[in-house]
């Protein structure tokens, strides 16, 4: 529900949305979640989720982030990261349904044409980020990127699913594992 709503709303922008627009957009998605919880007579916490979304244009990009998960945006040779926000404990984070969601909403605008976007849930972080957690882990991500660049979308998706469902990844973490890789090819 949240991912679908965010994606559809972000897709309406023809130019990079500014911070005010993005705060309103995320607030509106949050309100939809709260109304859904109320309609089902359940706690909003039952819909707790982190947020990691991106808008990519021809000359600008924006990453929107609440909580854990991570994103790496490449603008030519430059790589920019949106890193997870955890609390006092590694498994503590903030959610869209949290009362203080706005304090934990990170909006990162970038100028330039993005050539690559990698986004991941916290279950992928242990093997896709380096030990410091401040950069992509090359021994994992480089082979993934090489394969995806030489494959069809279907083949790449199938290979990513197999990698994320491999028993070796389950040995590292039993958490959910979602990895998005978007590549922009020059025409």
N, C-alpha and C. Protein backbone atom coordinates (compact mmCIF):
# COMPACT_ATOMS: atom_id res chain seq x y z
N UNK A 1 0.82 -1.19 0.00
CA UNK A 1 0.00 0.00 0.00
C UNK A 1 0.88 1.26 0.00
N UNK A 2 1.84 1.35 0.91
CA UNK A 2 2.68 2.54 1.01
C UNK A 2 3.55 2.69 -0.22
N UNK A 3 4.22 1.62 -0.63
CA UNK A 3 5.12 1.69 -1.79
C UNK A 3 4.35 2.09 -3.04
N UNK A 4 3.20 1.50 -3.24
CA UNK A 4 2.37 1.80 -4.41
C UNK A 4 1.93 3.26 -4.39
N UNK A 5 1.46 3.72 -3.25
CA UNK A 5 0.99 5.10 -3.11
C UNK A 5 2.14 6.10 -3.32
N UNK A 6 3.28 5.84 -2.70
CA UNK A 6 4.45 6.72 -2.87
C UNK A 6 4.89 6.77 -4.32
N UNK A 7 5.00 5.61 -4.95
CA UNK A 7 5.46 5.56 -6.34
C UNK A 7 4.51 6.33 -7.25
N UNK A 8 3.22 6.12 -7.09
CA UNK A 8 2.25 6.82 -7.94
C UNK A 8 2.30 8.33 -7.73
N UNK A 9 2.44 8.76 -6.50
CA UNK A 9 2.47 10.20 -6.23
C UNK A 9 3.78 10.83 -6.72
N UNK A 10 4.89 10.14 -6.53
CA UNK A 10 6.17 10.67 -7.02
C UNK A 10 6.18 10.76 -8.54
N UNK A 11 5.51 9.83 -9.20
CA UNK A 11 5.49 9.80 -10.67
C UNK A 11 4.75 11.00 -11.26
N UNK A 12 3.99 11.72 -10.47
CA UNK A 12 3.26 12.88 -11.00
C UNK A 12 4.15 14.10 -11.17
N UNK A 13 5.33 14.09 -10.56
CA UNK A 13 6.22 15.24 -10.67
C UNK A 13 6.98 15.21 -11.99
N UNK A 14 6.97 16.33 -12.69
CA UNK A 14 7.73 16.44 -13.95
C UNK A 14 9.06 17.14 -13.73
N UNK A 15 9.20 17.80 -12.59
CA UNK A 15 10.47 18.39 -12.17
C UNK A 15 10.71 17.93 -10.73
N UNK A 16 11.95 18.07 -10.28
CA UNK A 16 12.29 17.60 -8.94
C UNK A 16 11.41 18.25 -7.88
N UNK A 17 10.74 17.43 -7.08
CA UNK A 17 9.93 18.00 -6.00
C UNK A 17 10.82 18.61 -4.94
N UNK A 18 10.36 19.71 -4.34
CA UNK A 18 11.15 20.34 -3.29
C UNK A 18 10.78 19.74 -1.94
N UNK A 19 11.48 20.17 -0.92
CA UNK A 19 11.29 19.60 0.42
C UNK A 19 9.86 19.76 0.91
N UNK A 20 9.28 20.93 0.72
CA UNK A 20 7.91 21.18 1.18
C UNK A 20 6.93 20.21 0.49
N UNK A 21 7.09 20.02 -0.81
CA UNK A 21 6.22 19.11 -1.55
C UNK A 21 6.39 17.67 -1.05
N UNK A 22 7.62 17.29 -0.77
CA UNK A 22 7.87 15.91 -0.34
C UNK A 22 7.37 15.65 1.08
N UNK A 23 7.51 16.62 1.96
CA UNK A 23 6.97 16.48 3.31
C UNK A 23 5.45 16.32 3.22
N UNK A 24 4.80 17.13 2.40
CA UNK A 24 3.35 17.03 2.21
C UNK A 24 2.97 15.67 1.61
N UNK A 25 3.73 15.22 0.63
CA UNK A 25 3.45 13.94 -0.01
C UNK A 25 3.56 12.79 1.00
N UNK A 26 4.66 12.73 1.74
CA UNK A 26 4.84 11.67 2.72
C UNK A 26 3.78 11.77 3.82
N UNK A 27 3.45 12.99 4.22
CA UNK A 27 2.39 13.19 5.21
C UNK A 27 1.05 12.68 4.72
N UNK A 28 0.77 12.89 3.46
CA UNK A 28 -0.48 12.42 2.86
C UNK A 28 -0.53 10.89 2.81
N UNK A 29 0.58 10.28 2.44
CA UNK A 29 0.66 8.81 2.43
C UNK A 29 0.47 8.28 3.86
N UNK A 30 1.10 8.94 4.82
CA UNK A 30 0.96 8.54 6.22
C UNK A 30 -0.50 8.63 6.65
N UNK A 31 -1.16 9.71 6.27
CA UNK A 31 -2.57 9.89 6.63
C UNK A 31 -3.43 8.76 6.05
N UNK A 32 -3.13 8.34 4.83
CA UNK A 32 -3.84 7.22 4.21
C UNK A 32 -3.67 5.95 5.04
N UNK A 33 -2.45 5.71 5.52
CA UNK A 33 -2.17 4.54 6.35
C UNK A 33 -2.95 4.62 7.66
N UNK A 34 -2.94 5.79 8.30
CA UNK A 34 -3.65 5.95 9.56
C UNK A 34 -5.15 5.75 9.39
N UNK A 35 -5.70 6.26 8.30
CA UNK A 35 -7.13 6.08 8.03
C UNK A 35 -7.45 4.61 7.77
N UNK A 36 -6.56 3.91 7.08
CA UNK A 36 -6.76 2.48 6.82
C UNK A 36 -6.75 1.70 8.13
N UNK A 37 -5.84 2.04 9.02
CA UNK A 37 -5.78 1.37 10.33
C UNK A 37 -7.07 1.63 11.11
N UNK A 38 -7.53 2.87 11.08
CA UNK A 38 -8.76 3.23 11.78
C UNK A 38 -9.96 2.47 11.19
N UNK A 39 -10.03 2.40 9.87
CA UNK A 39 -11.14 1.71 9.21
C UNK A 39 -11.16 0.22 9.56
N UNK A 40 -9.98 -0.35 9.79
CA UNK A 40 -9.89 -1.77 10.12
C UNK A 40 -9.88 -2.00 11.64
N UNK A 41 -9.99 -0.90 12.40
CA UNK A 41 -10.01 -0.95 13.85
C UNK A 41 -8.77 -1.68 14.41
N UNK A 42 -7.61 -1.30 13.87
CA UNK A 42 -6.36 -1.86 14.36
C UNK A 42 -5.39 -0.72 14.66
N UNK A 43 -4.35 -1.03 15.35
CA UNK A 43 -3.35 -0.04 15.73
C UNK A 43 -2.56 0.42 14.50
N UNK A 44 -2.28 1.72 14.38
CA UNK A 44 -1.43 2.18 13.28
C UNK A 44 -0.06 1.49 13.28
N UNK A 45 0.39 1.08 14.46
CA UNK A 45 1.66 0.37 14.56
C UNK A 45 1.66 -0.95 13.79
N UNK A 46 0.47 -1.50 13.56
CA UNK A 46 0.38 -2.73 12.76
C UNK A 46 0.75 -2.47 11.30
N UNK A 47 0.75 -1.20 10.90
CA UNK A 47 1.15 -0.81 9.55
C UNK A 47 2.54 -0.17 9.55
N UNK A 48 3.28 -0.35 10.63
CA UNK A 48 4.61 0.28 10.74
C UNK A 48 5.49 -0.14 9.57
N UNK A 49 6.10 0.85 8.93
CA UNK A 49 7.02 0.56 7.83
C UNK A 49 8.01 1.72 7.72
N UNK A 50 9.18 1.39 7.24
CA UNK A 50 10.16 2.42 6.93
C UNK A 50 9.86 2.93 5.53
N UNK A 51 10.51 4.01 5.14
CA UNK A 51 10.29 4.60 3.82
C UNK A 51 11.64 4.79 3.14
N UNK A 52 11.72 4.33 1.91
CA UNK A 52 12.89 4.56 1.08
C UNK A 52 12.38 4.70 -0.34
N UNK A 53 12.42 5.92 -0.86
CA UNK A 53 11.88 6.18 -2.19
C UNK A 53 12.80 7.16 -2.91
N UNK A 54 12.68 7.17 -4.23
CA UNK A 54 13.52 8.08 -5.02
C UNK A 54 12.72 8.62 -6.20
N UNK A 55 13.05 9.84 -6.57
CA UNK A 55 12.54 10.46 -7.80
C UNK A 55 13.78 10.79 -8.63
N UNK A 56 13.82 10.28 -9.86
CA UNK A 56 14.96 10.52 -10.74
C UNK A 56 14.51 11.26 -11.98
N UNK A 57 15.11 12.40 -12.23
CA UNK A 57 14.82 13.18 -13.43
C UNK A 57 16.04 13.25 -14.33
N UNK A 58 15.92 14.04 -15.37
CA UNK A 58 17.04 14.19 -16.31
C UNK A 58 18.19 15.01 -15.73
N UNK A 59 17.88 15.96 -14.86
CA UNK A 59 18.93 16.84 -14.33
C UNK A 59 18.98 16.91 -12.81
N UNK A 60 18.12 16.16 -12.14
CA UNK A 60 18.08 16.18 -10.68
C UNK A 60 17.45 14.89 -10.17
N UNK A 61 17.75 14.59 -8.90
CA UNK A 61 17.19 13.41 -8.23
C UNK A 61 16.97 13.75 -6.77
N UNK A 62 16.07 12.99 -6.14
CA UNK A 62 15.79 13.17 -4.72
C UNK A 62 15.58 11.79 -4.09
N UNK A 63 16.17 11.60 -2.92
CA UNK A 63 15.92 10.39 -2.14
C UNK A 63 15.15 10.80 -0.89
N UNK A 64 14.13 10.03 -0.56
CA UNK A 64 13.27 10.26 0.61
C UNK A 64 13.43 9.04 1.51
N UNK A 65 13.70 9.27 2.80
CA UNK A 65 14.09 8.15 3.66
C UNK A 65 13.62 8.37 5.10
N UNK A 66 12.97 7.36 5.64
CA UNK A 66 12.67 7.29 7.08
C UNK A 66 13.09 5.91 7.55
N UNK A 67 13.94 5.84 8.56
CA UNK A 67 14.28 4.57 9.17
C UNK A 67 15.47 3.86 8.56
N UNK A 68 15.39 2.52 8.60
CA UNK A 68 16.52 1.74 8.11
C UNK A 68 16.39 1.47 6.62
N UNK A 69 17.27 0.61 6.11
CA UNK A 69 17.41 0.47 4.67
C UNK A 69 18.46 1.46 4.21
N UNK A 70 18.87 1.36 2.97
CA UNK A 70 19.91 2.25 2.46
C UNK A 70 19.73 2.43 0.96
N UNK A 71 20.24 3.55 0.46
CA UNK A 71 20.22 3.83 -0.98
C UNK A 71 21.56 4.40 -1.39
N UNK A 72 21.97 4.05 -2.60
CA UNK A 72 23.20 4.59 -3.19
C UNK A 72 22.84 5.10 -4.57
N UNK A 73 23.06 6.38 -4.79
CA UNK A 73 22.74 7.03 -6.05
C UNK A 73 24.04 7.44 -6.72
N UNK A 74 24.21 7.05 -7.97
CA UNK A 74 25.42 7.41 -8.71
C UNK A 74 25.11 8.51 -9.71
N UNK A 75 25.91 9.56 -9.64
CA UNK A 75 25.85 10.67 -10.59
C UNK A 75 27.21 10.69 -11.26
N UNK A 76 27.31 10.02 -12.39
CA UNK A 76 28.62 9.86 -13.02
C UNK A 76 29.51 9.04 -12.12
N UNK A 77 30.70 9.56 -11.78
CA UNK A 77 31.64 8.84 -10.92
C UNK A 77 31.35 9.04 -9.44
N UNK A 78 30.48 10.00 -9.12
CA UNK A 78 30.17 10.28 -7.71
C UNK A 78 29.08 9.34 -7.21
N UNK A 79 29.28 8.86 -5.98
CA UNK A 79 28.26 8.03 -5.35
C UNK A 79 27.79 8.72 -4.08
N UNK A 80 26.48 8.82 -3.92
CA UNK A 80 25.88 9.45 -2.75
C UNK A 80 25.02 8.41 -2.04
N UNK A 81 25.13 8.38 -0.72
CA UNK A 81 24.38 7.39 0.05
C UNK A 81 23.36 8.03 0.97
N UNK A 82 22.26 7.35 1.12
CA UNK A 82 21.29 7.65 2.16
C UNK A 82 21.35 6.45 3.09
N UNK A 83 21.91 6.66 4.26
CA UNK A 83 22.19 5.56 5.18
C UNK A 83 21.07 5.37 6.18
N UNK A 84 20.99 4.18 6.75
CA UNK A 84 19.91 3.89 7.70
C UNK A 84 20.03 4.73 8.96
N UNK A 85 18.88 5.03 9.54
CA UNK A 85 18.85 5.70 10.83
C UNK A 85 18.36 4.69 11.86
N UNK A 86 19.27 4.30 12.72
CA UNK A 86 18.93 3.38 13.80
C UNK A 86 19.05 4.12 15.11
N UNK A 87 18.42 3.59 16.11
CA UNK A 87 18.46 4.21 17.42
C UNK A 87 19.62 3.70 18.24
N UNK A 88 19.39 3.62 19.53
CA UNK A 88 20.42 3.17 20.46
C UNK A 88 20.85 1.73 20.16
N UNK A 89 19.92 0.93 19.66
CA UNK A 89 20.20 -0.47 19.35
C UNK A 89 20.13 -0.68 17.85
N UNK A 90 20.87 -1.65 17.35
CA UNK A 90 20.96 -1.89 15.90
C UNK A 90 19.61 -2.19 15.27
N UNK A 91 18.72 -2.84 16.01
CA UNK A 91 17.42 -3.20 15.43
C UNK A 91 16.33 -2.17 15.72
N UNK A 92 16.70 -1.03 16.26
CA UNK A 92 15.75 0.05 16.53
C UNK A 92 15.75 1.02 15.37
N UNK A 93 14.56 1.42 14.93
CA UNK A 93 14.48 2.39 13.84
C UNK A 93 13.20 3.20 13.98
N UNK A 94 12.92 4.02 13.01
CA UNK A 94 11.72 4.85 13.01
C UNK A 94 10.85 4.48 11.83
N UNK A 95 9.56 4.75 11.98
CA UNK A 95 8.59 4.32 10.98
C UNK A 95 7.70 5.47 10.52
N UNK A 96 7.08 5.27 9.39
CA UNK A 96 6.14 6.24 8.84
C UNK A 96 5.00 6.50 9.82
N UNK A 97 4.61 5.49 10.57
CA UNK A 97 3.49 5.63 11.50
C UNK A 97 3.90 6.22 12.85
N UNK A 98 5.19 6.46 13.06
CA UNK A 98 5.65 7.05 14.32
C UNK A 98 5.15 8.48 14.44
N UNK A 99 4.84 8.89 15.67
CA UNK A 99 4.37 10.26 15.89
C UNK A 99 5.43 11.28 15.47
N UNK A 100 6.69 10.94 15.63
CA UNK A 100 7.78 11.87 15.31
C UNK A 100 8.38 11.60 13.93
N UNK A 101 7.58 11.10 12.99
CA UNK A 101 8.07 10.72 11.66
C UNK A 101 8.78 11.87 10.96
N UNK A 102 8.28 13.12 11.13
CA UNK A 102 8.89 14.25 10.42
C UNK A 102 10.31 14.53 10.89
N UNK A 103 10.59 14.26 12.17
CA UNK A 103 11.94 14.46 12.70
C UNK A 103 12.93 13.48 12.08
N UNK A 104 12.42 12.38 11.56
CA UNK A 104 13.28 11.33 11.02
C UNK A 104 13.18 11.21 9.50
N UNK A 105 12.46 12.14 8.89
CA UNK A 105 12.35 12.17 7.43
C UNK A 105 13.58 12.86 6.86
N UNK A 106 14.32 12.13 6.05
CA UNK A 106 15.52 12.68 5.41
C UNK A 106 15.24 12.84 3.92
N UNK A 107 15.38 14.06 3.45
CA UNK A 107 15.18 14.37 2.04
C UNK A 107 16.53 14.82 1.49
N UNK A 108 17.03 14.07 0.52
CA UNK A 108 18.36 14.35 -0.04
C UNK A 108 18.24 14.67 -1.52
N UNK A 109 18.32 15.96 -1.88
CA UNK A 109 18.27 16.35 -3.30
C UNK A 109 19.67 16.32 -3.92
N UNK A 110 19.72 15.99 -5.20
CA UNK A 110 20.99 15.93 -5.92
C UNK A 110 20.82 16.57 -7.29
N UNK A 111 21.83 17.32 -7.70
CA UNK A 111 21.85 17.88 -9.05
C UNK A 111 22.64 16.95 -9.95
N UNK A 112 22.20 16.85 -11.18
CA UNK A 112 22.88 15.99 -12.14
C UNK A 112 22.02 14.81 -12.55
N UNK A 113 22.47 14.12 -13.56
CA UNK A 113 21.72 12.99 -14.12
C UNK A 113 22.18 11.70 -13.45
N UNK A 114 21.28 11.07 -12.72
CA UNK A 114 21.61 9.81 -12.06
C UNK A 114 21.80 8.71 -13.10
N UNK A 115 22.84 7.93 -12.91
CA UNK A 115 23.11 6.81 -13.82
C UNK A 115 22.81 5.46 -13.18
N UNK A 116 22.73 5.45 -11.84
CA UNK A 116 22.46 4.19 -11.15
C UNK A 116 21.86 4.47 -9.79
N UNK A 117 20.91 3.62 -9.40
CA UNK A 117 20.31 3.69 -8.08
C UNK A 117 20.26 2.28 -7.51
N UNK A 118 20.77 2.12 -6.30
CA UNK A 118 20.69 0.86 -5.57
C UNK A 118 19.96 1.16 -4.27
N UNK A 119 18.88 0.44 -4.02
CA UNK A 119 18.12 0.61 -2.78
C UNK A 119 17.95 -0.76 -2.14
N UNK A 120 17.98 -0.79 -0.80
CA UNK A 120 17.89 -2.08 -0.11
C UNK A 120 17.18 -1.95 1.22
N UNK A 121 16.53 -3.03 1.62
CA UNK A 121 15.98 -3.11 2.96
C UNK A 121 17.10 -3.49 3.92
N UNK A 122 16.80 -3.41 5.21
CA UNK A 122 17.82 -3.68 6.21
C UNK A 122 18.33 -5.12 6.16
N UNK A 123 17.57 -6.05 5.63
CA UNK A 123 18.04 -7.42 5.52
C UNK A 123 19.16 -7.61 4.52
N UNK A 124 19.32 -6.69 3.59
CA UNK A 124 20.39 -6.78 2.59
C UNK A 124 21.65 -6.06 3.08
N UNK A 125 21.50 -5.12 3.98
CA UNK A 125 22.62 -4.30 4.44
C UNK A 125 23.84 -5.10 4.91
N UNK A 126 23.68 -6.21 5.66
CA UNK A 126 24.87 -6.90 6.17
C UNK A 126 25.84 -7.39 5.08
N UNK A 127 25.34 -7.68 3.89
CA UNK A 127 26.26 -8.14 2.85
C UNK A 127 26.39 -7.17 1.69
N UNK A 128 25.58 -6.13 1.63
CA UNK A 128 25.67 -5.16 0.53
C UNK A 128 26.36 -3.86 0.93
N UNK A 129 26.50 -3.62 2.23
CA UNK A 129 27.24 -2.46 2.72
C UNK A 129 28.55 -2.94 3.36
N UNK A 130 29.56 -2.08 3.34
CA UNK A 130 30.83 -2.45 3.97
C UNK A 130 30.67 -2.55 5.49
N UNK A 131 31.72 -2.98 6.17
CA UNK A 131 31.63 -3.20 7.63
C UNK A 131 31.26 -1.94 8.40
N UNK A 132 31.74 -0.79 7.92
CA UNK A 132 31.40 0.48 8.57
C UNK A 132 29.96 0.89 8.26
N UNK A 133 29.37 0.29 7.24
CA UNK A 133 28.00 0.62 6.86
C UNK A 133 27.88 1.96 6.17
N UNK A 134 28.98 2.45 5.58
CA UNK A 134 28.94 3.78 4.97
C UNK A 134 29.24 3.77 3.47
N UNK A 135 29.27 2.59 2.87
CA UNK A 135 29.51 2.48 1.42
C UNK A 135 29.04 1.10 0.95
N UNK A 136 28.77 1.00 -0.34
CA UNK A 136 28.43 -0.31 -0.89
C UNK A 136 29.64 -1.23 -0.76
N UNK A 137 29.40 -2.51 -0.54
CA UNK A 137 30.46 -3.51 -0.40
C UNK A 137 30.76 -4.06 -1.79
N UNK A 138 31.89 -3.63 -2.34
CA UNK A 138 32.25 -3.96 -3.73
C UNK A 138 32.24 -5.45 -4.05
N UNK A 139 32.78 -6.32 -3.18
CA UNK A 139 32.77 -7.75 -3.53
C UNK A 139 31.36 -8.33 -3.73
N UNK A 140 30.35 -7.69 -3.14
CA UNK A 140 28.97 -8.14 -3.38
C UNK A 140 28.35 -7.40 -4.56
N UNK A 141 28.40 -6.07 -4.52
CA UNK A 141 27.62 -5.29 -5.48
C UNK A 141 28.23 -5.27 -6.88
N UNK A 142 29.55 -5.28 -7.01
CA UNK A 142 30.17 -5.22 -8.34
C UNK A 142 29.76 -6.39 -9.24
N UNK A 143 29.82 -7.65 -8.75
CA UNK A 143 29.36 -8.75 -9.61
C UNK A 143 27.86 -8.65 -9.95
N UNK A 144 27.08 -8.18 -8.99
CA UNK A 144 25.64 -8.00 -9.24
C UNK A 144 25.44 -7.00 -10.37
N UNK A 145 26.12 -5.86 -10.30
CA UNK A 145 25.98 -4.83 -11.33
C UNK A 145 26.48 -5.31 -12.68
N UNK A 146 27.61 -6.01 -12.70
CA UNK A 146 28.12 -6.54 -13.98
C UNK A 146 27.11 -7.48 -14.63
N UNK A 147 26.54 -8.38 -13.83
CA UNK A 147 25.58 -9.34 -14.38
C UNK A 147 24.33 -8.62 -14.90
N UNK A 148 23.82 -7.70 -14.11
CA UNK A 148 22.60 -6.99 -14.50
C UNK A 148 22.81 -6.18 -15.77
N UNK A 149 23.97 -5.58 -15.93
CA UNK A 149 24.24 -4.78 -17.12
C UNK A 149 24.28 -5.63 -18.38
N UNK A 150 24.53 -6.91 -18.24
CA UNK A 150 24.64 -7.80 -19.40
C UNK A 150 23.41 -8.69 -19.57
N UNK A 151 22.39 -8.49 -18.75
CA UNK A 151 21.23 -9.38 -18.76
C UNK A 151 19.95 -8.62 -19.09
N UNK A 152 18.93 -9.37 -19.42
CA UNK A 152 17.61 -8.77 -19.57
C UNK A 152 17.07 -8.46 -18.17
N UNK A 153 16.03 -7.66 -18.11
CA UNK A 153 15.43 -7.33 -16.82
C UNK A 153 14.94 -8.60 -16.12
N UNK A 154 14.31 -9.50 -16.87
CA UNK A 154 13.80 -10.74 -16.28
C UNK A 154 14.93 -11.61 -15.74
N UNK A 155 16.01 -11.74 -16.51
CA UNK A 155 17.16 -12.54 -16.06
C UNK A 155 17.80 -11.92 -14.82
N UNK A 156 17.94 -10.60 -14.84
CA UNK A 156 18.53 -9.91 -13.69
C UNK A 156 17.69 -10.07 -12.44
N UNK A 157 16.37 -9.93 -12.59
CA UNK A 157 15.46 -10.09 -11.45
C UNK A 157 15.52 -11.51 -10.90
N UNK A 158 15.53 -12.48 -11.79
CA UNK A 158 15.60 -13.88 -11.37
C UNK A 158 16.90 -14.16 -10.62
N UNK A 159 18.00 -13.64 -11.13
CA UNK A 159 19.30 -13.85 -10.48
C UNK A 159 19.35 -13.17 -9.12
N UNK A 160 18.80 -11.95 -9.02
CA UNK A 160 18.77 -11.26 -7.73
C UNK A 160 17.93 -12.03 -6.72
N UNK A 161 16.77 -12.51 -7.15
CA UNK A 161 15.91 -13.30 -6.25
C UNK A 161 16.65 -14.53 -5.74
N UNK A 162 17.34 -15.22 -6.64
CA UNK A 162 18.09 -16.42 -6.25
C UNK A 162 19.21 -16.07 -5.27
N UNK A 163 19.89 -14.96 -5.52
CA UNK A 163 20.97 -14.53 -4.63
C UNK A 163 20.43 -14.21 -3.24
N UNK A 164 19.33 -13.46 -3.19
CA UNK A 164 18.77 -13.05 -1.91
C UNK A 164 18.15 -14.22 -1.15
N UNK A 165 17.75 -15.26 -1.87
CA UNK A 165 17.14 -16.43 -1.23
C UNK A 165 18.16 -17.55 -0.99
N UNK A 166 19.40 -17.31 -1.30
CA UNK A 166 20.47 -18.29 -1.13
C UNK A 166 20.63 -18.61 0.37
N UNK A 167 20.84 -19.87 0.71
CA UNK A 167 21.04 -20.23 2.13
C UNK A 167 22.15 -19.43 2.81
N UNK A 168 23.17 -19.02 2.05
CA UNK A 168 24.26 -18.24 2.65
C UNK A 168 23.76 -16.88 3.13
N UNK A 169 22.80 -16.27 2.41
CA UNK A 169 22.27 -14.99 2.87
C UNK A 169 21.37 -15.18 4.08
N UNK A 170 20.65 -16.31 4.12
CA UNK A 170 19.81 -16.59 5.29
C UNK A 170 20.68 -16.86 6.51
N UNK A 171 21.88 -17.38 6.31
CA UNK A 171 22.80 -17.60 7.43
C UNK A 171 23.28 -16.28 8.02
N UNK A 172 23.33 -15.24 7.18
CA UNK A 172 23.77 -13.92 7.63
C UNK A 172 22.64 -13.20 8.35
N UNK A 173 21.43 -13.26 7.79
CA UNK A 173 20.28 -12.58 8.38
C UNK A 173 18.99 -13.27 7.97
N UNK A 174 18.08 -13.35 8.91
CA UNK A 174 16.76 -13.90 8.63
C UNK A 174 15.76 -12.80 8.32
N UNK A 175 16.24 -11.57 8.24
CA UNK A 175 15.37 -10.42 7.98
C UNK A 175 14.93 -10.39 6.52
N UNK A 176 13.90 -9.60 6.25
CA UNK A 176 13.43 -9.44 4.86
C UNK A 176 14.56 -8.90 4.00
N UNK A 177 14.58 -9.32 2.75
CA UNK A 177 15.66 -8.91 1.85
C UNK A 177 15.08 -8.45 0.52
N UNK A 178 15.13 -7.15 0.31
CA UNK A 178 14.70 -6.57 -0.96
C UNK A 178 15.84 -5.70 -1.47
N UNK A 179 16.18 -5.89 -2.74
CA UNK A 179 17.25 -5.12 -3.37
C UNK A 179 16.74 -4.63 -4.72
N UNK A 180 16.79 -3.32 -4.90
CA UNK A 180 16.41 -2.71 -6.17
C UNK A 180 17.66 -2.15 -6.82
N UNK A 181 17.85 -2.47 -8.08
CA UNK A 181 18.96 -1.90 -8.85
C UNK A 181 18.36 -1.30 -10.11
N UNK A 182 18.55 0.00 -10.28
CA UNK A 182 18.06 0.69 -11.48
C UNK A 182 19.25 1.28 -12.21
N UNK A 183 19.36 0.96 -13.48
CA UNK A 183 20.46 1.46 -14.31
C UNK A 183 19.89 2.32 -15.42
N UNK A 184 20.51 3.44 -15.66
CA UNK A 184 20.09 4.30 -16.75
C UNK A 184 21.10 4.14 -17.88
N UNK A 185 20.61 3.66 -19.00
CA UNK A 185 21.47 3.47 -20.17
C UNK A 185 21.38 4.69 -21.06
N UNK A 186 22.50 5.10 -21.56
CA UNK A 186 22.53 6.24 -22.48
C UNK A 186 21.91 5.82 -23.80
N UNK A 187 21.16 6.73 -24.40
CA UNK A 187 20.50 6.43 -25.68
C UNK A 187 21.48 6.43 -26.83
